[in-house]
Amino acid sequence: MFMADCGVRWEASEIPFPTHHTKLDEGICTMTSVRKKRSRAIPPLMVVGLAVSAIFCHSSAGEPRFDRVGKTIEGEELATAVSDQRDVALRDCVVTGITKLRARRRQTSAKIEIRSTEFQGPVMFGDVEFFSEVLFDSVTFHGPVSFAEALFKERFEIHEAMFTDEVSFRDCEFRREVLCSSVVFPFRADFSRTVFDSASFRYCRLRRAVFKNTHLARVDFVGSELGDALFEPHSVPSSAGIATAKGLESLRYLQDPSALTELRNRLRRDGYREEERGVTYALRVSDNRRRASEGRRFWYFLELVLFDWTCRYGMDYGRPVVLAFWLWLLCTFIYLLMMNFGKRTAIMKEYKNASSANTQLTLNVADLSARSSKWAVGLEFLGQETKLLAWAAFFSLMSAFNIGFRGFNFGRWLRLLLPRELDLKSVGWTRTVSGIQALLSVYFFALFLLTYFERLFE
């Protein structure tokens, strides 16, 4: 009798030639014939066929595929199926309890395909080697999820999934492609020391994610949100792979700024100017926060007010012009009030021609009293206030450009617009307000020019 590994048995009568015994010598089956007194070797193709048959028989003898549709199952049952090397296919299911692989089995060749399923408890697949593909599609995780220290030897896909708690891919290694699209990580997703062969995070929400010592050289974040993510990877992605991501300005670092610096230089080299400004802002904000954590609070607030609130370290280079406009408008109404109610404050029209006397810009009450009717008084008052408002706006504009910058004196050009050669002089508190406005305005315009045409904060 001869028996193969797959359980198939041949009787001696079924052998084409008579035999008495079978001898296995280094994997080659030989049969000794009594009549011929010599051994005949089985052809190599027959040996290969017997091996393939043994493998097929072994796989067919295993447990069936774990396939569930619209069922409520226990997490332990799912984990047992994965541990027993059974392919898993779930659709429209609810998984309750803790889904955790047994500690005695840390390798699985099971192919996992889970769609439109809800996990109500924690999922713990850490420190597991996956030899087959893993797919999660439209899956909701209501508990913490951990794939820490897992090894994925085939493709890993996750699409339109929702995580409501922390997720850990710490110390994972992906040896094949990772496809991740429209996934929401509302809480902290940890990718520390994760190795990606190639990965694509498209339109994912990765706020507060951790990329510390992560290999991101072949990873793209097209349309993804990276707000407040810790960015200290081992290698940075390409410019095209991260330029369309959102929230680059809110990336941060705690200890090592080299990754953000390298990313900024790549973006500048490849022509992504706006994205470069965003990464520059992220660097300077992280620098300032570290300054505050070291106890240097004065310098923290000084830089916050002078550079962050005014132009966001050059990222919002148009903000200084907007601030100068609102300052001009505010000072216009201040000057108008001083013209009407100020006793020790005044704005004087000083003529260059000696034949013309200097005139104080104020409300002429005598002209109002000379009017006979209320309508006439109202029209006279409206006319005078309109003229005062115009002079106040012009004086505010002259104050804003009173101090030149790098040879440009816009205040002098404004005086040339007047039909007569005159100057406006301020007295009292009006002069103080005018001086403050001049200093702030020249700072705003200088900040605009330096941030728009140069890289002031790099």
Protein backbone atom coordinates (compact mmCIF):
# COMPACT_ATOMS: atom_id res chain seq x y z
CA MET A 1 0.00 0.00 0.00
CA PHE A 2 1.24 3.55 -0.84
CA MET A 3 -0.18 6.72 0.88
CA ALA A 4 0.40 10.36 -0.19
CA ASP A 5 0.26 13.42 2.12
CA CYS A 6 -3.20 14.38 0.93
CA GLY A 7 -4.80 11.20 2.20
CA VAL A 8 -5.13 9.42 -1.22
CA ARG A 9 -4.40 5.70 -0.99
CA TRP A 10 -3.38 3.12 -3.61
CA GLU A 11 -3.55 -0.62 -3.04
CA ALA A 12 -0.80 -2.90 -4.26
CA SER A 13 -3.12 -4.37 -6.87
CA GLU A 14 -3.64 -0.98 -8.42
CA ILE A 15 0.07 -0.42 -9.08
CA PRO A 16 0.96 -1.19 -12.73
CA PHE A 17 3.78 -3.51 -11.65
CA PRO A 18 4.03 -5.74 -8.57
CA THR A 19 5.84 -4.36 -5.52
CA HIS A 20 6.62 -5.58 -2.05
CA HIS A 21 7.58 -2.29 -0.30
CA THR A 22 8.17 1.42 -0.92
CA LYS A 23 11.35 3.28 -0.01
CA LEU A 24 11.62 7.10 0.23
CA ASP A 25 15.16 8.33 -0.39
CA GLU A 26 15.69 12.14 -0.19
CA GLY A 27 12.24 12.98 -1.55
CA ILE A 28 12.41 10.61 -4.55
CA CYS A 29 9.97 7.73 -4.45
CA THR A 30 11.49 4.42 -5.66
CA MET A 31 9.73 1.14 -6.02
CA THR A 32 11.58 -2.14 -6.07
CA SER A 33 10.26 -4.82 -8.31
CA VAL A 34 10.70 -8.41 -7.24
CA ARG A 35 10.87 -9.77 -10.77
CA LYS A 36 13.24 -7.19 -12.24
CA LYS A 37 15.40 -6.92 -9.07
CA ARG A 38 16.00 -3.22 -9.71
CA SER A 39 14.38 0.14 -8.76
CA ARG A 40 12.22 2.29 -11.04
CA ALA A 41 12.04 6.05 -10.26
CA ILE A 42 8.75 7.94 -10.49
CA PRO A 43 9.08 10.72 -13.11
CA PRO A 44 9.67 14.25 -11.69
CA LEU A 45 6.37 15.50 -13.08
CA MET A 46 4.55 12.93 -11.01
CA VAL A 47 6.36 14.14 -7.88
CA VAL A 48 5.27 17.73 -8.61
CA GLY A 49 1.73 16.55 -9.21
CA LEU A 50 1.66 14.70 -5.90
CA ALA A 51 2.94 17.84 -4.09
CA VAL A 52 0.32 20.09 -5.70
CA SER A 53 -2.37 17.55 -4.93
CA ALA A 54 -1.25 17.45 -1.30
CA ILE A 55 -1.44 21.23 -1.01
CA PHE A 56 -4.87 21.36 -2.61
CA CYS A 57 -6.19 18.63 -0.40
CA HIS A 58 -4.82 20.39 2.70
CA SER A 59 -6.46 23.73 1.77
CA SER A 60 -9.76 22.11 0.91
CA ALA A 61 -9.71 20.25 4.17
CA GLY A 62 -9.52 23.57 6.15
CA GLU A 63 -12.42 25.48 7.60
CA PRO A 64 -14.77 27.36 5.21
CA ARG A 65 -14.74 31.08 4.49
CA PHE A 66 -16.11 33.33 7.25
CA ASP A 67 -18.84 35.08 5.27
CA ARG A 68 -21.58 37.12 6.98
CA VAL A 69 -24.17 39.53 5.58
CA GLY A 70 -26.46 41.64 7.77
CA LYS A 71 -25.52 39.78 10.95
CA THR A 72 -24.58 40.77 14.48
CA ILE A 73 -21.45 38.93 15.50
CA GLU A 74 -19.06 38.93 18.41
CA GLY A 75 -15.65 40.45 18.01
CA GLU A 76 -14.07 37.33 19.46
CA GLU A 77 -15.69 35.25 16.74
CA LEU A 78 -14.23 37.48 14.04
CA ALA A 79 -10.80 37.42 15.66
CA THR A 80 -10.94 33.62 15.89
CA ALA A 81 -11.71 33.34 12.18
CA VAL A 82 -8.76 35.56 11.29
CA SER A 83 -6.47 33.60 13.62
CA ASP A 84 -7.60 30.32 12.05
CA GLN A 85 -6.51 31.55 8.60
CA ARG A 86 -10.08 31.78 7.34
CA ASP A 87 -10.86 34.41 4.71
CA VAL A 88 -13.26 37.02 6.12
CA ALA A 89 -16.03 38.78 4.21
CA LEU A 90 -18.48 40.99 6.14
CA ARG A 91 -21.17 43.24 4.70
CA ASP A 92 -23.78 45.29 6.59
CA CYS A 93 -22.82 43.67 9.88
CA VAL A 94 -22.50 44.84 13.47
CA VAL A 95 -19.51 43.64 15.45
CA THR A 96 -19.92 43.82 19.22
CA GLY A 97 -17.39 43.45 21.99
CA ILE A 98 -13.61 43.50 21.68
CA THR A 99 -12.06 42.30 18.43
CA LYS A 100 -8.61 41.10 19.45
CA LEU A 101 -6.41 38.42 17.91
CA ARG A 102 -5.31 35.64 20.23
CA ALA A 103 -1.76 36.03 21.46
CA ARG A 104 -0.71 32.55 20.32
CA ARG A 105 -1.28 33.28 16.65
CA ARG A 106 0.46 36.42 15.35
CA GLN A 107 0.43 35.51 11.65
CA THR A 108 -2.54 35.19 9.37
CA SER A 109 -2.95 34.49 5.68
CA ALA A 110 -6.66 35.32 5.83
CA LYS A 111 -7.92 37.80 3.27
CA ILE A 112 -10.02 40.42 5.08
CA GLU A 113 -12.81 42.24 3.25
CA ILE A 114 -15.18 44.24 5.45
CA ARG A 115 -17.81 46.56 3.95
CA SER A 116 -20.55 48.74 5.47
CA THR A 117 -19.91 47.32 8.93
CA GLU A 118 -20.02 48.89 12.36
CA PHE A 119 -17.54 48.01 15.12
CA GLN A 120 -19.04 48.88 18.50
CA GLY A 121 -15.99 47.96 20.56
CA PRO A 122 -12.20 48.22 20.38
CA VAL A 123 -10.30 46.60 17.51
CA MET A 124 -6.87 45.25 18.48
CA PHE A 125 -4.88 43.83 15.57
CA GLY A 126 -1.48 44.93 16.82
CA ASP A 127 1.73 42.96 16.33
CA VAL A 128 0.21 40.78 13.57
CA GLU A 129 1.64 39.77 10.20
CA PHE A 130 -0.94 39.96 7.43
CA PHE A 131 0.01 37.90 4.37
CA SER A 132 -3.11 38.74 2.34
CA GLU A 133 -4.99 41.88 1.32
CA VAL A 134 -6.95 43.88 3.89
CA LEU A 135 -9.93 46.04 2.89
CA PHE A 136 -12.22 48.26 4.97
CA ASP A 137 -14.95 50.07 3.02
CA SER A 138 -17.60 52.32 4.62
CA VAL A 139 -16.75 51.02 8.09
CA THR A 140 -17.43 52.87 11.36
CA PHE A 141 -15.24 52.27 14.40
CA HIS A 142 -16.77 53.39 17.71
CA GLY A 143 -13.84 52.36 19.87
CA PRO A 144 -10.05 52.68 19.80
CA VAL A 145 -8.33 50.93 16.93
CA SER A 146 -4.79 49.60 17.06
CA PHE A 147 -2.65 48.11 14.31
CA ALA A 148 0.54 48.92 16.24
CA GLU A 149 3.63 46.98 15.14
CA ALA A 150 1.66 45.16 12.43
CA LEU A 151 3.24 43.99 9.17
CA PHE A 152 1.22 44.15 5.96
CA LYS A 153 2.76 42.15 3.12
CA GLU A 154 -0.06 42.81 0.67
CA ARG A 155 -2.18 45.82 -0.22
CA PHE A 156 -4.03 47.66 2.53
CA GLU A 157 -7.14 49.68 1.61
CA ILE A 158 -9.53 51.75 3.67
CA HIS A 159 -12.22 53.94 2.09
CA GLU A 160 -14.93 56.22 3.48
CA ALA A 161 -14.36 55.03 7.03
CA MET A 162 -15.10 56.87 10.26
CA PHE A 163 -13.02 56.60 13.42
CA THR A 164 -14.59 58.03 16.56
CA ASP A 165 -11.63 57.34 18.84
CA GLU A 166 -7.85 57.22 18.66
CA VAL A 167 -6.15 55.14 15.96
CA SER A 168 -2.66 53.71 16.17
CA PHE A 169 -0.50 52.58 13.26
CA ARG A 170 2.64 53.00 15.35
CA ASP A 171 5.67 50.98 14.20
CA CYS A 172 3.71 49.46 11.29
CA GLU A 173 5.34 48.38 8.07
CA PHE A 174 3.47 48.39 4.77
CA ARG A 175 5.34 46.47 2.08
CA ARG A 176 2.71 47.03 -0.56
CA GLU A 177 0.50 49.90 -1.63
CA VAL A 178 -1.73 51.68 0.89
CA LEU A 179 -4.90 53.28 -0.46
CA CYS A 180 -6.77 55.53 1.94
CA SER A 181 -9.57 57.80 0.70
CA SER A 182 -12.26 59.90 2.39
CA VAL A 183 -11.38 58.62 5.86
CA VAL A 184 -12.13 60.72 8.91
CA PHE A 185 -9.69 60.62 11.83
CA PRO A 186 -11.36 63.13 14.17
CA PHE A 187 -9.06 62.23 17.03
CA ARG A 188 -5.35 61.53 17.21
CA ALA A 189 -4.03 59.11 14.55
CA ASP A 190 -0.55 57.89 15.44
CA PHE A 191 1.77 57.02 12.55
CA SER A 192 5.00 57.17 14.56
CA ARG A 193 7.86 55.17 13.04
CA THR A 194 5.56 53.78 10.35
CA VAL A 195 7.20 52.61 7.12
CA PHE A 196 5.24 53.12 3.90
CA ASP A 197 6.38 51.53 0.66
CA SER A 198 3.88 53.73 -1.19
CA ALA A 199 0.70 55.28 0.15
CA SER A 200 -2.06 57.63 -0.94
CA PHE A 201 -4.17 59.58 1.55
CA ARG A 202 -6.79 61.29 -0.59
CA TYR A 203 -9.33 63.68 0.92
CA CYS A 204 -8.77 62.31 4.42
CA ARG A 205 -9.14 64.21 7.66
CA LEU A 206 -5.87 63.84 9.55
CA ARG A 207 -6.15 66.60 12.12
CA ARG A 208 -3.81 66.14 15.10
CA ALA A 209 -2.15 63.15 13.41
CA VAL A 210 1.37 62.21 14.52
CA PHE A 211 4.07 61.73 11.87
CA LYS A 212 7.18 61.23 13.97
CA ASN A 213 10.07 59.35 12.33
CA THR A 214 7.60 58.23 9.65
CA HIS A 215 8.77 57.29 6.16
CA LEU A 216 6.75 59.60 3.89
CA ALA A 217 8.98 59.73 0.81
CA ARG A 218 6.41 57.94 -1.37
CA VAL A 219 3.23 59.20 0.29
CA ASP A 220 0.82 61.78 -1.07
CA PHE A 221 -1.87 63.75 0.77
CA VAL A 222 -4.00 65.01 -2.11
CA GLY A 223 -6.86 67.10 -0.71
CA SER A 224 -6.34 65.85 2.83
CA GLU A 225 -6.60 67.99 5.94
CA LEU A 226 -3.45 68.09 8.06
CA GLY A 227 -4.40 70.75 10.58
CA ASP A 228 -2.41 70.68 13.84
CA ALA A 229 -0.54 67.52 12.82
CA LEU A 230 2.82 66.80 14.44
CA PHE A 231 5.24 66.76 11.51
CA GLU A 232 8.65 65.29 12.33
CA PRO A 233 8.96 62.47 9.76
CA HIS A 234 12.05 60.53 8.77
CA SER A 235 11.56 61.58 5.14
CA VAL A 236 9.20 64.18 3.66
CA PRO A 237 6.79 63.70 0.74
CA SER A 238 7.22 65.30 -2.65
CA SER A 239 5.97 68.81 -3.31
CA ALA A 240 3.25 67.63 -5.68
CA GLY A 241 2.12 65.05 -3.14
CA ILE A 242 1.46 67.54 -0.36
CA ALA A 243 0.89 70.88 -2.11
CA THR A 244 -2.87 70.32 -2.39
CA ALA A 245 -3.25 69.33 1.25
CA LYS A 246 -5.13 71.67 3.58
CA GLY A 247 -3.81 73.05 6.83
CA LEU A 248 -0.12 73.24 5.96
CA GLU A 249 0.07 76.48 7.95
CA SER A 250 -0.99 74.66 11.13
CA LEU A 251 1.58 71.88 10.98
CA ARG A 252 3.79 71.86 14.04
CA TYR A 253 6.93 70.41 15.50
CA LEU A 254 8.02 69.90 19.08
CA GLN A 255 11.74 69.14 18.92
CA ASP A 256 13.08 68.80 15.39
CA PRO A 257 12.25 71.47 12.76
CA SER A 258 14.38 69.90 10.02
CA ALA A 259 11.46 68.12 8.29
CA LEU A 260 9.37 71.30 8.03
CA THR A 261 12.41 73.21 6.84
CA GLU A 262 13.12 70.64 4.14
CA LEU A 263 9.47 70.65 3.08
CA ARG A 264 9.49 74.46 2.80
CA ASN A 265 12.66 74.38 0.68
CA ARG A 266 11.15 71.78 -1.64
CA LEU A 267 8.00 73.81 -2.12
CA ARG A 268 10.03 76.93 -2.86
CA ARG A 269 12.23 75.06 -5.33
CA ASP A 270 9.23 73.63 -7.17
CA GLY A 271 7.38 76.93 -7.37
CA TYR A 272 4.61 76.44 -4.77
CA ARG A 273 4.88 79.96 -3.33
CA GLU A 274 1.64 80.09 -1.35
CA GLU A 275 2.21 76.64 0.16
CA GLU A 276 5.75 77.68 1.01
CA ARG A 277 4.40 80.68 2.93
CA GLY A 278 2.08 78.35 4.85
CA VAL A 279 4.92 76.06 5.94
CA THR A 280 7.00 79.11 6.90
CA TYR A 281 4.14 80.26 9.11
CA ALA A 282 3.97 76.79 10.70
CA LEU A 283 7.69 76.92 11.46
CA ARG A 284 7.62 80.38 13.03
CA VAL A 285 4.55 79.64 15.13
CA SER A 286 6.18 76.46 16.46
CA ASP A 287 9.34 78.45 17.21
CA ASN A 288 7.33 81.05 19.12
CA ARG A 289 5.41 78.41 21.08
CA ARG A 290 8.64 76.77 22.10
CA ARG A 291 9.89 80.19 23.19
CA ALA A 292 6.83 80.52 25.43
CA SER A 293 7.31 77.04 26.88
CA GLU A 294 10.85 78.01 27.83
CA GLY A 295 9.54 80.92 29.90
CA ARG A 296 10.36 83.80 27.55
CA ARG A 297 6.85 85.19 27.64
CA PHE A 298 7.75 88.79 26.77
CA TRP A 299 9.39 87.87 23.47
CA TYR A 300 6.55 85.47 22.75
CA PHE A 301 3.91 88.22 23.02
CA LEU A 302 6.08 90.76 21.20
CA GLU A 303 6.53 88.52 18.18
CA LEU A 304 2.89 87.47 18.36
CA VAL A 305 1.68 91.06 18.09
CA LEU A 306 4.24 92.42 15.64
CA PHE A 307 4.41 89.57 13.13
CA ASP A 308 1.64 87.04 13.72
CA TRP A 309 -1.37 89.31 14.19
CA THR A 310 -0.22 91.73 11.49
CA CYS A 311 0.82 89.47 8.57
CA ARG A 312 0.96 85.88 9.93
CA TYR A 313 4.70 85.79 9.27
CA GLY A 314 4.27 86.72 5.62
CA MET A 315 1.56 84.17 4.79
CA ASP A 316 -1.16 86.86 4.73
CA TYR A 317 0.92 89.59 3.12
CA GLY A 318 -2.15 91.69 2.28
CA ARG A 319 -3.31 91.99 5.88
CA PRO A 320 -1.03 95.00 6.70
CA VAL A 321 -2.69 97.01 3.91
CA VAL A 322 -6.13 96.12 5.27
CA LEU A 323 -5.05 97.15 8.76
CA ALA A 324 -3.71 100.45 7.42
CA PHE A 325 -7.06 101.11 5.73
CA TRP A 326 -9.06 100.49 8.90
CA LEU A 327 -6.62 102.64 10.84
CA TRP A 328 -7.12 105.44 8.31
CA LEU A 329 -10.91 105.14 8.63
CA LEU A 330 -10.78 105.11 12.43
CA CYS A 331 -8.52 108.15 12.59
CA THR A 332 -10.76 109.99 10.12
CA PHE A 333 -13.70 109.84 12.54
CA ILE A 334 -11.41 110.73 15.46
CA TYR A 335 -10.25 113.85 13.65
CA LEU A 336 -13.86 114.71 12.76
CA LEU A 337 -14.87 114.52 16.42
CA MET A 338 -11.94 116.69 17.43
CA MET A 339 -12.91 119.29 14.85
CA ASN A 340 -16.41 119.47 16.27
CA PHE A 341 -15.88 119.12 20.02
CA GLY A 342 -12.19 119.63 20.73
CA LYS A 343 -11.32 122.76 22.66
CA ARG A 344 -7.57 122.34 22.84
CA THR A 345 -7.21 120.34 19.68
CA ALA A 346 -7.39 121.64 16.16
CA ILE A 347 -6.37 121.10 12.57
CA MET A 348 -5.11 124.25 10.87
CA LYS A 349 -4.92 125.10 7.21
CA GLU A 350 -1.55 126.79 6.81
CA TYR A 351 -1.15 128.61 3.51
CA LYS A 352 2.27 129.11 1.99
CA ASN A 353 1.19 132.45 0.55
CA ALA A 354 1.68 135.20 3.13
CA SER A 355 -1.42 137.10 1.94
CA SER A 356 -3.70 134.23 3.08
CA ALA A 357 -4.34 133.82 6.79
CA ASN A 358 -4.25 130.43 8.50
CA THR A 359 -7.65 128.90 9.12
CA GLN A 360 -8.81 126.49 11.76
CA LEU A 361 -11.00 123.66 10.53
CA THR A 362 -14.03 123.62 12.81
CA LEU A 363 -17.79 123.92 12.78
CA ASN A 364 -18.92 127.50 12.09
CA VAL A 365 -21.78 128.08 14.54
CA ALA A 366 -22.33 131.68 13.38
CA ASP A 367 -23.33 130.53 9.90
CA LEU A 368 -25.81 128.12 11.45
CA SER A 369 -27.38 130.86 13.59
CA ALA A 370 -27.82 133.11 10.57
CA ARG A 371 -30.23 130.68 8.96
CA SER A 372 -33.89 131.47 9.44
CA SER A 373 -35.57 128.08 9.02
CA LYS A 374 -34.84 124.65 10.39
CA TRP A 375 -34.41 123.28 6.88
CA ALA A 376 -31.82 125.92 6.13
CA VAL A 377 -29.99 125.17 9.38
CA GLY A 378 -30.02 121.46 8.60
CA LEU A 379 -28.68 121.94 5.11
CA GLU A 380 -25.99 124.31 6.36
CA PHE A 381 -24.97 121.85 9.08
CA LEU A 382 -24.86 118.98 6.59
CA GLY A 383 -22.76 121.01 4.18
CA GLN A 384 -20.25 122.02 6.86
CA GLU A 385 -19.99 118.45 8.23
CA THR A 386 -19.39 117.12 4.74
CA LYS A 387 -16.52 119.56 4.22
CA LEU A 388 -15.05 118.71 7.66
CA LEU A 389 -15.32 114.99 6.90
CA ALA A 390 -13.47 115.52 3.62
CA TRP A 391 -10.70 117.49 5.35
CA ALA A 392 -10.51 114.90 8.14
CA ALA A 393 -10.18 112.06 5.61
CA PHE A 394 -7.50 113.97 3.70
CA PHE A 395 -5.58 114.79 6.89
CA SER A 396 -5.80 111.15 7.97
CA LEU A 397 -4.42 110.10 4.57
CA MET A 398 -1.59 112.62 4.85
CA SER A 399 -0.78 111.33 8.35
CA ALA A 400 -0.70 107.74 7.09
CA PHE A 401 1.90 108.66 4.45
CA ASN A 402 3.66 111.36 6.43
CA ILE A 403 6.77 109.21 6.97
CA GLY A 404 8.50 108.03 3.83
CA PHE A 405 9.99 104.59 3.27
CA ARG A 406 13.09 103.87 1.21
CA GLY A 407 12.93 107.21 -0.64
CA PHE A 408 9.17 107.10 -1.23
CA ASN A 409 7.30 110.06 0.25
CA PHE A 410 3.64 109.65 -0.61
CA GLY A 411 2.64 112.48 1.75
CA ARG A 412 4.41 115.00 -0.43
CA TRP A 413 2.63 113.66 -3.50
CA LEU A 414 -0.71 114.06 -1.75
CA ARG A 415 -0.01 117.73 -1.02
CA LEU A 416 0.53 118.31 -4.73
CA LEU A 417 -3.08 117.25 -5.36
CA LEU A 418 -4.42 120.37 -3.61
CA PRO A 419 -5.40 123.32 -5.84
CA ARG A 420 -3.57 125.75 -3.57
CA GLU A 421 -0.20 125.43 -1.91
CA LEU A 422 -1.05 124.78 1.71
CA ASP A 423 -0.34 122.36 4.53
CA LEU A 424 -2.44 120.90 7.32
CA LYS A 425 -1.06 121.27 10.82
CA SER A 426 -2.36 119.61 13.95
CA VAL A 427 -2.44 121.01 17.48
CA GLY A 428 -2.85 119.28 20.82
CA TRP A 429 -4.09 115.69 21.01
CA THR A 430 -4.72 115.73 17.28
CA ARG A 431 -0.97 115.93 16.77
CA THR A 432 -0.43 112.92 19.07
CA VAL A 433 -2.99 110.81 17.24
CA SER A 434 -1.48 111.83 13.91
CA GLY A 435 1.98 110.77 15.04
CA ILE A 436 0.77 107.35 16.22
CA GLN A 437 -1.07 106.83 12.95
CA ALA A 438 2.02 107.76 10.96
CA LEU A 439 4.22 105.27 12.82
CA LEU A 440 1.73 102.42 12.54
CA SER A 441 1.02 103.12 8.89
CA VAL A 442 4.65 103.16 7.83
CA TYR A 443 5.14 99.89 9.73
CA PHE A 444 2.20 98.28 7.95
CA PHE A 445 3.32 99.38 4.50
CA ALA A 446 6.93 98.36 5.12
CA LEU A 447 5.73 94.97 6.33
CA PHE A 448 3.62 94.56 3.20
CA LEU A 449 6.49 95.39 0.86
CA LEU A 450 9.01 93.18 2.65
CA THR A 451 6.72 90.16 2.86
CA TYR A 452 5.38 90.43 -0.69
CA PHE A 453 8.60 91.05 -2.58
CA GLU A 454 11.05 89.36 -0.20
CA ARG A 455 11.15 86.40 2.18
CA LEU A 456 11.41 88.28 5.43
CA PHE A 457 10.81 85.34 7.78
CA GLU A 458 12.90 82.64 6.12
